[in-house]
Amino acid sequence: MSSDQDGLDTVVKILEHADIAQLTTEDLSGKLVSRPLQLQETDSDGNLWFFTQDPSPKADEIRANPNVNVSVHDSKGYLSISGKATITKDEGKIEELWKSPVAAWFDEGREDPSIALIKVDTDTAEYWATDEPRVATMFKIAKSAVTGDTPNIGKNDVVDL
C-alpha cells in the first residue's frame, strides 16, 4: 500500500475527469448493490459528494451499513475507492453543490424535501492508470495473447487516503 505523492496525484487526476461513479452499498438482505451517480465534488479533505433522495433504499442501506465502494473511470484509468458514507441534509452544502441538471432527479426541483447528499469519507483507493493511447494498450493486450506474456499496460497501486 502506498501513500506517496505520485499515487495521490494519479488518484486526483482520475477523479478530476470523472463524471459518473458507481456507488456500491450492501442492501438490507446482505447483497451488494451498485448504481450510477453523478459525482458532484471531491472536496479538499478527499470526501466524495453525491445527491440522493431521502427516504430511499440507498439512504436506508447507508444508514444500516456505511461501508461503501465507489468506482470511477476516465480515459486515464480506473479507481476503486473504499470509504464510509453518511447521509446529510445540510442546506449550505446542498446549495453549494446544486446545479440545474440535478433538478431532473427531484419532483419538486430545488424545493423537494427529499433532497439529500451522500458524503463518502474515503479510506483507500486502488488505481489502474496509463498514459498511453488506448490503441497502444489494445496492441499490448493483443500481443500478450499471442506471446503468452503478461501485458504491461500501466501502473497499479493502493493509496491510503
N, C-alpha and C. Protein backbone atom coordinates (compact mmCIF):
# COMPACT_ATOMS: atom_id res chain seq x y z
N MET A 1 0.85 -1.17 0.00
CA MET A 1 0.00 0.00 0.00
C MET A 1 0.89 1.23 0.00
N SER A 2 0.47 2.24 -0.73
CA SER A 2 1.29 3.42 -0.91
C SER A 2 0.58 4.66 -0.41
N SER A 3 1.34 5.61 0.07
CA SER A 3 0.78 6.92 0.38
C SER A 3 1.64 7.99 -0.28
N ASP A 4 2.45 7.57 -1.25
CA ASP A 4 3.35 8.51 -1.90
C ASP A 4 2.59 9.51 -2.76
N GLN A 5 3.25 10.62 -3.04
CA GLN A 5 2.61 11.71 -3.77
C GLN A 5 2.23 11.32 -5.20
N ASP A 6 3.03 10.47 -5.86
CA ASP A 6 2.69 10.04 -7.22
C ASP A 6 1.35 9.31 -7.25
N GLY A 7 1.14 8.43 -6.27
CA GLY A 7 -0.12 7.70 -6.19
C GLY A 7 -1.29 8.63 -5.94
N LEU A 8 -1.11 9.57 -5.03
CA LEU A 8 -2.18 10.55 -4.75
C LEU A 8 -2.47 11.41 -5.97
N ASP A 9 -1.41 11.81 -6.67
CA ASP A 9 -1.60 12.61 -7.89
C ASP A 9 -2.39 11.83 -8.94
N THR A 10 -2.11 10.54 -9.06
CA THR A 10 -2.84 9.71 -10.02
C THR A 10 -4.31 9.62 -9.66
N VAL A 11 -4.61 9.41 -8.38
CA VAL A 11 -5.99 9.35 -7.92
C VAL A 11 -6.70 10.66 -8.22
N VAL A 12 -6.06 11.78 -7.90
CA VAL A 12 -6.66 13.10 -8.13
C VAL A 12 -6.90 13.32 -9.62
N LYS A 13 -5.94 12.93 -10.46
CA LYS A 13 -6.08 13.13 -11.90
C LYS A 13 -7.29 12.38 -12.45
N ILE A 14 -7.49 11.16 -12.00
CA ILE A 14 -8.64 10.38 -12.46
C ILE A 14 -9.94 11.00 -11.94
N LEU A 15 -9.96 11.40 -10.68
CA LEU A 15 -11.17 11.99 -10.11
C LEU A 15 -11.53 13.32 -10.77
N GLU A 16 -10.53 14.09 -11.17
CA GLU A 16 -10.80 15.38 -11.81
C GLU A 16 -11.59 15.23 -13.10
N HIS A 17 -11.40 14.11 -13.77
CA HIS A 17 -12.08 13.89 -15.05
C HIS A 17 -13.30 12.99 -14.94
N ALA A 18 -13.56 12.49 -13.74
CA ALA A 18 -14.68 11.58 -13.55
C ALA A 18 -15.99 12.36 -13.49
N ASP A 19 -17.00 11.81 -14.09
CA ASP A 19 -18.33 12.43 -14.06
C ASP A 19 -19.32 11.50 -13.36
N ILE A 20 -19.37 10.28 -13.81
CA ILE A 20 -20.29 9.29 -13.25
C ILE A 20 -19.48 8.26 -12.47
N ALA A 21 -19.98 7.91 -11.30
CA ALA A 21 -19.35 6.90 -10.46
C ALA A 21 -20.36 5.80 -10.18
N GLN A 22 -19.87 4.64 -9.87
CA GLN A 22 -20.73 3.55 -9.41
C GLN A 22 -20.58 3.47 -7.89
N LEU A 23 -21.68 3.67 -7.18
CA LEU A 23 -21.68 3.55 -5.72
C LEU A 23 -22.21 2.17 -5.37
N THR A 24 -21.44 1.42 -4.60
CA THR A 24 -21.86 0.09 -4.17
C THR A 24 -22.12 0.11 -2.68
N THR A 25 -23.34 -0.34 -2.32
CA THR A 25 -23.74 -0.48 -0.93
C THR A 25 -24.15 -1.93 -0.70
N GLU A 26 -24.42 -2.25 0.55
CA GLU A 26 -24.96 -3.56 0.88
C GLU A 26 -26.42 -3.38 1.22
N ASP A 27 -27.30 -4.12 0.51
CA ASP A 27 -28.73 -3.95 0.80
C ASP A 27 -29.07 -4.61 2.14
N LEU A 28 -30.31 -4.47 2.56
CA LEU A 28 -30.71 -4.92 3.89
C LEU A 28 -30.72 -6.44 4.03
N SER A 29 -30.62 -7.17 2.88
CA SER A 29 -30.52 -8.62 2.95
C SER A 29 -29.08 -9.11 2.79
N GLY A 30 -28.13 -8.17 2.69
CA GLY A 30 -26.72 -8.53 2.61
C GLY A 30 -26.14 -8.63 1.22
N LYS A 31 -26.94 -8.32 0.18
CA LYS A 31 -26.44 -8.37 -1.19
C LYS A 31 -25.84 -7.03 -1.58
N LEU A 32 -24.79 -7.08 -2.40
CA LEU A 32 -24.17 -5.85 -2.89
C LEU A 32 -25.01 -5.28 -4.02
N VAL A 33 -25.18 -3.96 -3.99
CA VAL A 33 -25.97 -3.25 -4.99
C VAL A 33 -25.15 -2.06 -5.48
N SER A 34 -25.01 -1.94 -6.81
CA SER A 34 -24.29 -0.80 -7.40
C SER A 34 -25.24 0.00 -8.25
N ARG A 35 -25.04 1.32 -8.22
CA ARG A 35 -25.83 2.18 -9.09
C ARG A 35 -25.00 3.38 -9.49
N PRO A 36 -25.28 3.91 -10.71
CA PRO A 36 -24.52 5.07 -11.18
C PRO A 36 -25.04 6.35 -10.52
N LEU A 37 -24.11 7.19 -10.13
CA LEU A 37 -24.43 8.50 -9.57
C LEU A 37 -23.46 9.52 -10.14
N GLN A 38 -23.95 10.73 -10.32
CA GLN A 38 -23.07 11.80 -10.80
C GLN A 38 -22.24 12.31 -9.62
N LEU A 39 -20.93 12.30 -9.79
CA LEU A 39 -20.02 12.82 -8.78
C LEU A 39 -20.12 14.33 -8.80
N GLN A 40 -20.54 14.93 -7.68
CA GLN A 40 -20.72 16.38 -7.61
C GLN A 40 -19.43 17.10 -7.25
N GLU A 41 -18.66 16.49 -6.34
CA GLU A 41 -17.45 17.17 -5.88
C GLU A 41 -16.54 16.17 -5.18
N THR A 42 -15.25 16.43 -5.28
CA THR A 42 -14.25 15.84 -4.41
C THR A 42 -13.67 17.00 -3.64
N ASP A 43 -13.93 17.07 -2.34
CA ASP A 43 -13.51 18.25 -1.59
C ASP A 43 -12.05 18.16 -1.17
N SER A 44 -11.56 19.20 -0.53
CA SER A 44 -10.14 19.28 -0.17
C SER A 44 -9.73 18.23 0.86
N ASP A 45 -10.69 17.64 1.55
CA ASP A 45 -10.39 16.57 2.51
C ASP A 45 -10.46 15.19 1.87
N GLY A 46 -10.75 15.13 0.56
CA GLY A 46 -10.84 13.85 -0.14
C GLY A 46 -12.20 13.21 -0.07
N ASN A 47 -13.21 13.90 0.48
CA ASN A 47 -14.57 13.36 0.53
C ASN A 47 -15.22 13.46 -0.85
N LEU A 48 -16.03 12.47 -1.17
CA LEU A 48 -16.79 12.46 -2.42
C LEU A 48 -18.24 12.81 -2.08
N TRP A 49 -18.88 13.60 -2.94
CA TRP A 49 -20.25 14.07 -2.69
C TRP A 49 -21.16 13.72 -3.85
N PHE A 50 -22.36 13.21 -3.51
CA PHE A 50 -23.39 12.84 -4.48
C PHE A 50 -24.75 13.30 -3.97
N PHE A 51 -25.64 13.66 -4.88
CA PHE A 51 -27.03 13.91 -4.50
C PHE A 51 -27.78 12.59 -4.45
N THR A 52 -28.77 12.52 -3.57
CA THR A 52 -29.66 11.37 -3.49
C THR A 52 -30.99 11.81 -2.95
N GLN A 53 -31.93 10.90 -2.95
CA GLN A 53 -33.22 11.15 -2.31
C GLN A 53 -33.23 10.45 -0.96
N ASP A 54 -33.84 11.10 0.00
CA ASP A 54 -34.00 10.51 1.32
C ASP A 54 -35.40 10.88 1.80
N PRO A 55 -36.27 9.92 1.91
CA PRO A 55 -36.04 8.47 2.02
C PRO A 55 -35.82 7.81 0.66
N SER A 56 -35.02 6.74 0.71
CA SER A 56 -34.78 5.88 -0.44
C SER A 56 -34.08 4.61 0.05
N PRO A 57 -34.16 3.53 -0.72
CA PRO A 57 -33.44 2.31 -0.32
C PRO A 57 -31.94 2.57 -0.13
N LYS A 58 -31.36 3.38 -1.01
CA LYS A 58 -29.92 3.69 -0.91
C LYS A 58 -29.59 4.36 0.43
N ALA A 59 -30.41 5.33 0.84
CA ALA A 59 -30.18 6.01 2.13
C ALA A 59 -30.34 5.03 3.29
N ASP A 60 -31.34 4.15 3.21
CA ASP A 60 -31.53 3.14 4.26
C ASP A 60 -30.34 2.20 4.35
N GLU A 61 -29.81 1.80 3.18
CA GLU A 61 -28.66 0.90 3.15
C GLU A 61 -27.44 1.55 3.79
N ILE A 62 -27.22 2.81 3.50
CA ILE A 62 -26.06 3.52 4.06
C ILE A 62 -26.20 3.67 5.57
N ARG A 63 -27.40 3.95 6.03
CA ARG A 63 -27.59 4.06 7.49
C ARG A 63 -27.35 2.72 8.18
N ALA A 64 -27.76 1.62 7.54
CA ALA A 64 -27.60 0.29 8.13
C ALA A 64 -26.15 -0.18 8.09
N ASN A 65 -25.43 0.17 7.02
CA ASN A 65 -24.03 -0.23 6.87
C ASN A 65 -23.33 0.85 6.04
N PRO A 66 -22.57 1.72 6.68
CA PRO A 66 -21.96 2.83 5.96
C PRO A 66 -20.76 2.48 5.08
N ASN A 67 -20.30 1.23 5.12
CA ASN A 67 -19.16 0.83 4.29
C ASN A 67 -19.60 0.76 2.83
N VAL A 68 -18.91 1.54 1.97
CA VAL A 68 -19.27 1.61 0.56
C VAL A 68 -18.03 1.50 -0.31
N ASN A 69 -18.27 1.26 -1.58
CA ASN A 69 -17.22 1.33 -2.59
C ASN A 69 -17.71 2.27 -3.68
N VAL A 70 -16.80 3.09 -4.17
CA VAL A 70 -17.08 3.98 -5.29
C VAL A 70 -16.08 3.65 -6.38
N SER A 71 -16.58 3.33 -7.58
CA SER A 71 -15.67 3.07 -8.68
C SER A 71 -15.90 4.10 -9.77
N VAL A 72 -14.81 4.58 -10.34
CA VAL A 72 -14.88 5.57 -11.41
C VAL A 72 -13.83 5.22 -12.45
N HIS A 73 -14.05 5.73 -13.66
CA HIS A 73 -13.03 5.58 -14.69
C HIS A 73 -13.10 6.78 -15.62
N ASP A 74 -11.98 7.03 -16.24
CA ASP A 74 -11.90 8.03 -17.30
C ASP A 74 -10.85 7.53 -18.28
N SER A 75 -10.47 8.35 -19.22
CA SER A 75 -9.52 7.91 -20.24
C SER A 75 -8.12 7.62 -19.67
N LYS A 76 -7.84 8.09 -18.46
CA LYS A 76 -6.53 7.89 -17.85
C LYS A 76 -6.47 6.69 -16.92
N GLY A 77 -7.63 6.13 -16.55
CA GLY A 77 -7.56 4.97 -15.67
C GLY A 77 -8.84 4.69 -14.91
N TYR A 78 -8.70 3.79 -13.95
CA TYR A 78 -9.80 3.31 -13.14
C TYR A 78 -9.46 3.47 -11.67
N LEU A 79 -10.50 3.73 -10.85
CA LEU A 79 -10.33 3.82 -9.41
C LEU A 79 -11.37 2.94 -8.73
N SER A 80 -10.98 2.32 -7.64
CA SER A 80 -11.88 1.63 -6.74
C SER A 80 -11.61 2.21 -5.37
N ILE A 81 -12.56 2.96 -4.84
CA ILE A 81 -12.37 3.71 -3.59
C ILE A 81 -13.24 3.09 -2.50
N SER A 82 -12.64 2.80 -1.36
CA SER A 82 -13.43 2.33 -0.22
C SER A 82 -13.55 3.46 0.79
N GLY A 83 -14.68 3.47 1.48
CA GLY A 83 -14.89 4.51 2.48
C GLY A 83 -16.16 4.28 3.25
N LYS A 84 -16.49 5.28 4.05
CA LYS A 84 -17.71 5.25 4.86
C LYS A 84 -18.61 6.39 4.41
N ALA A 85 -19.87 6.07 4.18
CA ALA A 85 -20.83 7.06 3.68
C ALA A 85 -21.77 7.51 4.79
N THR A 86 -22.21 8.74 4.67
CA THR A 86 -23.25 9.29 5.54
C THR A 86 -24.24 10.04 4.67
N ILE A 87 -25.45 10.16 5.18
CA ILE A 87 -26.50 10.94 4.52
C ILE A 87 -26.63 12.25 5.29
N THR A 88 -26.66 13.36 4.56
CA THR A 88 -26.83 14.66 5.19
C THR A 88 -27.83 15.51 4.41
N LYS A 89 -28.52 16.35 5.13
CA LYS A 89 -29.43 17.31 4.50
C LYS A 89 -28.94 18.73 4.81
N ASP A 90 -27.63 18.88 4.91
CA ASP A 90 -27.00 20.18 5.18
C ASP A 90 -27.37 21.16 4.06
N GLU A 91 -28.22 22.13 4.39
CA GLU A 91 -28.73 23.08 3.38
C GLU A 91 -27.61 23.89 2.73
N GLY A 92 -26.60 24.27 3.52
CA GLY A 92 -25.49 25.04 2.96
C GLY A 92 -24.73 24.25 1.90
N LYS A 93 -24.46 22.98 2.18
CA LYS A 93 -23.73 22.13 1.24
C LYS A 93 -24.61 21.82 0.01
N ILE A 94 -25.90 21.59 0.25
CA ILE A 94 -26.80 21.34 -0.88
C ILE A 94 -26.81 22.55 -1.81
N GLU A 95 -26.91 23.73 -1.25
CA GLU A 95 -26.92 24.96 -2.05
C GLU A 95 -25.61 25.13 -2.82
N GLU A 96 -24.51 24.84 -2.15
CA GLU A 96 -23.18 24.96 -2.77
C GLU A 96 -23.03 24.04 -3.98
N LEU A 97 -23.57 22.84 -3.90
CA LEU A 97 -23.39 21.84 -4.95
C LEU A 97 -24.51 21.83 -5.99
N TRP A 98 -25.62 22.51 -5.71
CA TRP A 98 -26.78 22.46 -6.59
C TRP A 98 -26.47 23.04 -7.96
N LYS A 99 -26.84 22.29 -9.00
CA LYS A 99 -26.76 22.75 -10.39
C LYS A 99 -28.09 22.40 -11.02
N SER A 100 -28.52 23.18 -11.99
CA SER A 100 -29.85 22.97 -12.56
C SER A 100 -30.10 21.55 -13.08
N PRO A 101 -29.12 20.84 -13.67
CA PRO A 101 -29.42 19.48 -14.13
C PRO A 101 -29.82 18.52 -13.00
N VAL A 102 -29.42 18.80 -11.77
CA VAL A 102 -29.76 17.94 -10.64
C VAL A 102 -31.28 17.92 -10.43
N ALA A 103 -31.94 19.00 -10.76
CA ALA A 103 -33.39 19.13 -10.54
C ALA A 103 -34.17 18.01 -11.23
N ALA A 104 -33.65 17.46 -12.30
CA ALA A 104 -34.35 16.40 -13.03
C ALA A 104 -34.62 15.18 -12.15
N TRP A 105 -33.85 15.00 -11.10
CA TRP A 105 -33.98 13.82 -10.24
C TRP A 105 -34.94 14.04 -9.07
N PHE A 106 -35.46 15.27 -8.95
CA PHE A 106 -36.32 15.59 -7.81
C PHE A 106 -37.62 16.20 -8.32
N ASP A 107 -38.76 15.60 -7.95
CA ASP A 107 -40.07 16.02 -8.46
C ASP A 107 -40.35 17.50 -8.25
N GLU A 108 -39.93 18.05 -7.15
CA GLU A 108 -40.21 19.45 -6.84
C GLU A 108 -39.00 20.36 -7.04
N GLY A 109 -38.02 19.88 -7.82
CA GLY A 109 -36.83 20.69 -8.07
C GLY A 109 -36.09 20.99 -6.78
N ARG A 110 -35.54 22.17 -6.69
CA ARG A 110 -34.72 22.55 -5.53
C ARG A 110 -35.54 22.58 -4.23
N GLU A 111 -36.84 22.69 -4.33
CA GLU A 111 -37.70 22.74 -3.14
C GLU A 111 -38.14 21.36 -2.66
N ASP A 112 -37.70 20.31 -3.32
CA ASP A 112 -38.11 18.95 -2.96
C ASP A 112 -37.57 18.60 -1.57
N PRO A 113 -38.45 18.16 -0.66
CA PRO A 113 -37.99 17.83 0.70
C PRO A 113 -37.14 16.56 0.77
N SER A 114 -37.09 15.76 -0.30
CA SER A 114 -36.30 14.53 -0.27
C SER A 114 -34.83 14.76 -0.65
N ILE A 115 -34.45 15.98 -1.00
CA ILE A 115 -33.07 16.25 -1.41
C ILE A 115 -32.12 15.98 -0.24
N ALA A 116 -31.11 15.18 -0.51
CA ALA A 116 -30.08 14.88 0.47
C ALA A 116 -28.76 14.67 -0.27
N LEU A 117 -27.71 14.61 0.50
CA LEU A 117 -26.38 14.34 -0.05
C LEU A 117 -25.80 13.09 0.58
N ILE A 118 -25.04 12.37 -0.23
CA ILE A 118 -24.21 11.29 0.28
C ILE A 118 -22.80 11.84 0.34
N LYS A 119 -22.21 11.74 1.51
CA LYS A 119 -20.81 12.13 1.69
C LYS A 119 -20.03 10.84 1.93
N VAL A 120 -19.02 10.59 1.11
CA VAL A 120 -18.18 9.42 1.29
C VAL A 120 -16.83 9.88 1.81
N ASP A 121 -16.54 9.49 3.04
CA ASP A 121 -15.25 9.76 3.66
C ASP A 121 -14.33 8.63 3.21
N THR A 122 -13.40 8.95 2.31
CA THR A 122 -12.58 7.93 1.66
C THR A 122 -11.50 7.38 2.58
N ASP A 123 -11.23 6.08 2.44
CA ASP A 123 -10.17 5.41 3.21
C ASP A 123 -8.98 5.07 2.32
N THR A 124 -9.26 4.28 1.27
CA THR A 124 -8.21 3.87 0.34
C THR A 124 -8.73 3.92 -1.09
N ALA A 125 -7.80 4.02 -2.02
CA ALA A 125 -8.14 3.96 -3.44
C ALA A 125 -7.15 3.06 -4.14
N GLU A 126 -7.65 2.12 -4.90
CA GLU A 126 -6.78 1.33 -5.77
C GLU A 126 -6.97 1.85 -7.18
N TYR A 127 -5.87 2.10 -7.87
CA TYR A 127 -5.98 2.63 -9.22
C TYR A 127 -5.23 1.77 -10.21
N TRP A 128 -5.70 1.86 -11.44
CA TRP A 128 -5.04 1.27 -12.60
C TRP A 128 -4.96 2.43 -13.59
N ALA A 129 -3.77 2.85 -13.94
CA ALA A 129 -3.63 4.05 -14.76
C ALA A 129 -2.63 3.84 -15.88
N THR A 130 -2.88 4.53 -16.98
CA THR A 130 -1.96 4.50 -18.12
C THR A 130 -1.94 5.88 -18.76
N ASP A 131 -0.79 6.24 -19.30
CA ASP A 131 -0.66 7.49 -20.04
C ASP A 131 -0.61 7.23 -21.55
N GLU A 132 -0.74 5.96 -21.93
CA GLU A 132 -0.65 5.60 -23.34
C GLU A 132 -2.02 5.74 -24.02
N PRO A 133 -2.02 5.97 -25.31
CA PRO A 133 -3.28 5.97 -26.04
C PRO A 133 -3.93 4.59 -25.98
N ARG A 134 -5.24 4.57 -26.08
CA ARG A 134 -5.98 3.32 -25.99
C ARG A 134 -5.51 2.31 -27.04
N VAL A 135 -5.21 2.75 -28.24
CA VAL A 135 -4.78 1.83 -29.29
C VAL A 135 -3.47 1.13 -28.90
N ALA A 136 -2.56 1.83 -28.23
CA ALA A 136 -1.31 1.21 -27.78
C ALA A 136 -1.59 0.15 -26.72
N THR A 137 -2.50 0.45 -25.82
CA THR A 137 -2.87 -0.52 -24.78
C THR A 137 -3.49 -1.76 -25.41
N MET A 138 -4.39 -1.56 -26.36
CA MET A 138 -5.04 -2.69 -27.02
C MET A 138 -4.02 -3.55 -27.78
N PHE A 139 -3.03 -2.89 -28.40
CA PHE A 139 -1.98 -3.62 -29.10
C PHE A 139 -1.19 -4.50 -28.12
N LYS A 140 -0.84 -3.94 -26.95
CA LYS A 140 -0.09 -4.72 -25.96
C LYS A 140 -0.88 -5.93 -25.48
N ILE A 141 -2.17 -5.76 -25.28
CA ILE A 141 -3.01 -6.87 -24.84
C ILE A 141 -3.08 -7.95 -25.92
N ALA A 142 -3.26 -7.53 -27.18
CA ALA A 142 -3.32 -8.49 -28.29
C ALA A 142 -1.99 -9.23 -28.43
N LYS A 143 -0.89 -8.50 -28.33
CA LYS A 143 0.44 -9.11 -28.44
C LYS A 143 0.64 -10.14 -27.32
N SER A 144 0.21 -9.81 -26.11
CA SER A 144 0.36 -10.73 -24.98
C SER A 144 -0.45 -12.00 -25.17
N ALA A 145 -1.60 -11.87 -25.83
CA ALA A 145 -2.41 -13.06 -26.10
C ALA A 145 -1.67 -14.04 -27.00
N VAL A 146 -0.87 -13.49 -27.91
CA VAL A 146 -0.10 -14.33 -28.84
C VAL A 146 1.15 -14.89 -28.17
N THR A 147 1.87 -14.03 -27.42
CA THR A 147 3.15 -14.44 -26.83
C THR A 147 3.00 -15.17 -25.50
N GLY A 148 1.85 -15.00 -24.84
CA GLY A 148 1.66 -15.62 -23.54
C GLY A 148 2.23 -14.78 -22.40
N ASP A 149 2.82 -13.64 -22.72
CA ASP A 149 3.35 -12.75 -21.68
C ASP A 149 2.21 -11.94 -21.05
N THR A 150 2.48 -11.44 -19.86
CA THR A 150 1.52 -10.53 -19.21
C THR A 150 1.79 -9.12 -19.72
N PRO A 151 0.76 -8.41 -20.20
CA PRO A 151 0.99 -7.07 -20.74
C PRO A 151 1.29 -6.05 -19.64
N ASN A 152 2.20 -5.14 -19.93
CA ASN A 152 2.48 -4.02 -19.03
C ASN A 152 1.71 -2.84 -19.60
N ILE A 153 0.55 -2.57 -19.02
CA ILE A 153 -0.31 -1.53 -19.59
C ILE A 153 -0.50 -0.34 -18.65
N GLY A 154 0.35 -0.23 -17.66
CA GLY A 154 0.25 0.95 -16.78
C GLY A 154 0.58 0.62 -15.35
N LYS A 155 0.22 1.57 -14.48
CA LYS A 155 0.51 1.45 -13.05
C LYS A 155 -0.72 0.96 -12.29
N ASN A 156 -0.45 0.20 -11.22
CA ASN A 156 -1.49 -0.25 -10.32
C ASN A 156 -0.95 -0.11 -8.92
N ASP A 157 -1.73 0.49 -8.01
CA ASP A 157 -1.28 0.64 -6.65
C ASP A 157 -2.50 0.92 -5.77
N VAL A 158 -2.31 0.78 -4.47
CA VAL A 158 -3.32 1.13 -3.47
C VAL A 158 -2.77 2.32 -2.71
N VAL A 159 -3.59 3.35 -2.57
CA VAL A 159 -3.18 4.58 -1.90
C VAL A 159 -4.02 4.79 -0.66
N ASP A 160 -3.36 5.04 0.44
CA ASP A 160 -4.03 5.37 1.69
C ASP A 160 -4.50 6.81 1.60
N LEU A 161 -5.77 7.05 1.79
CA LEU A 161 -6.30 8.40 1.71
C LEU A 161 -6.54 8.91 3.11
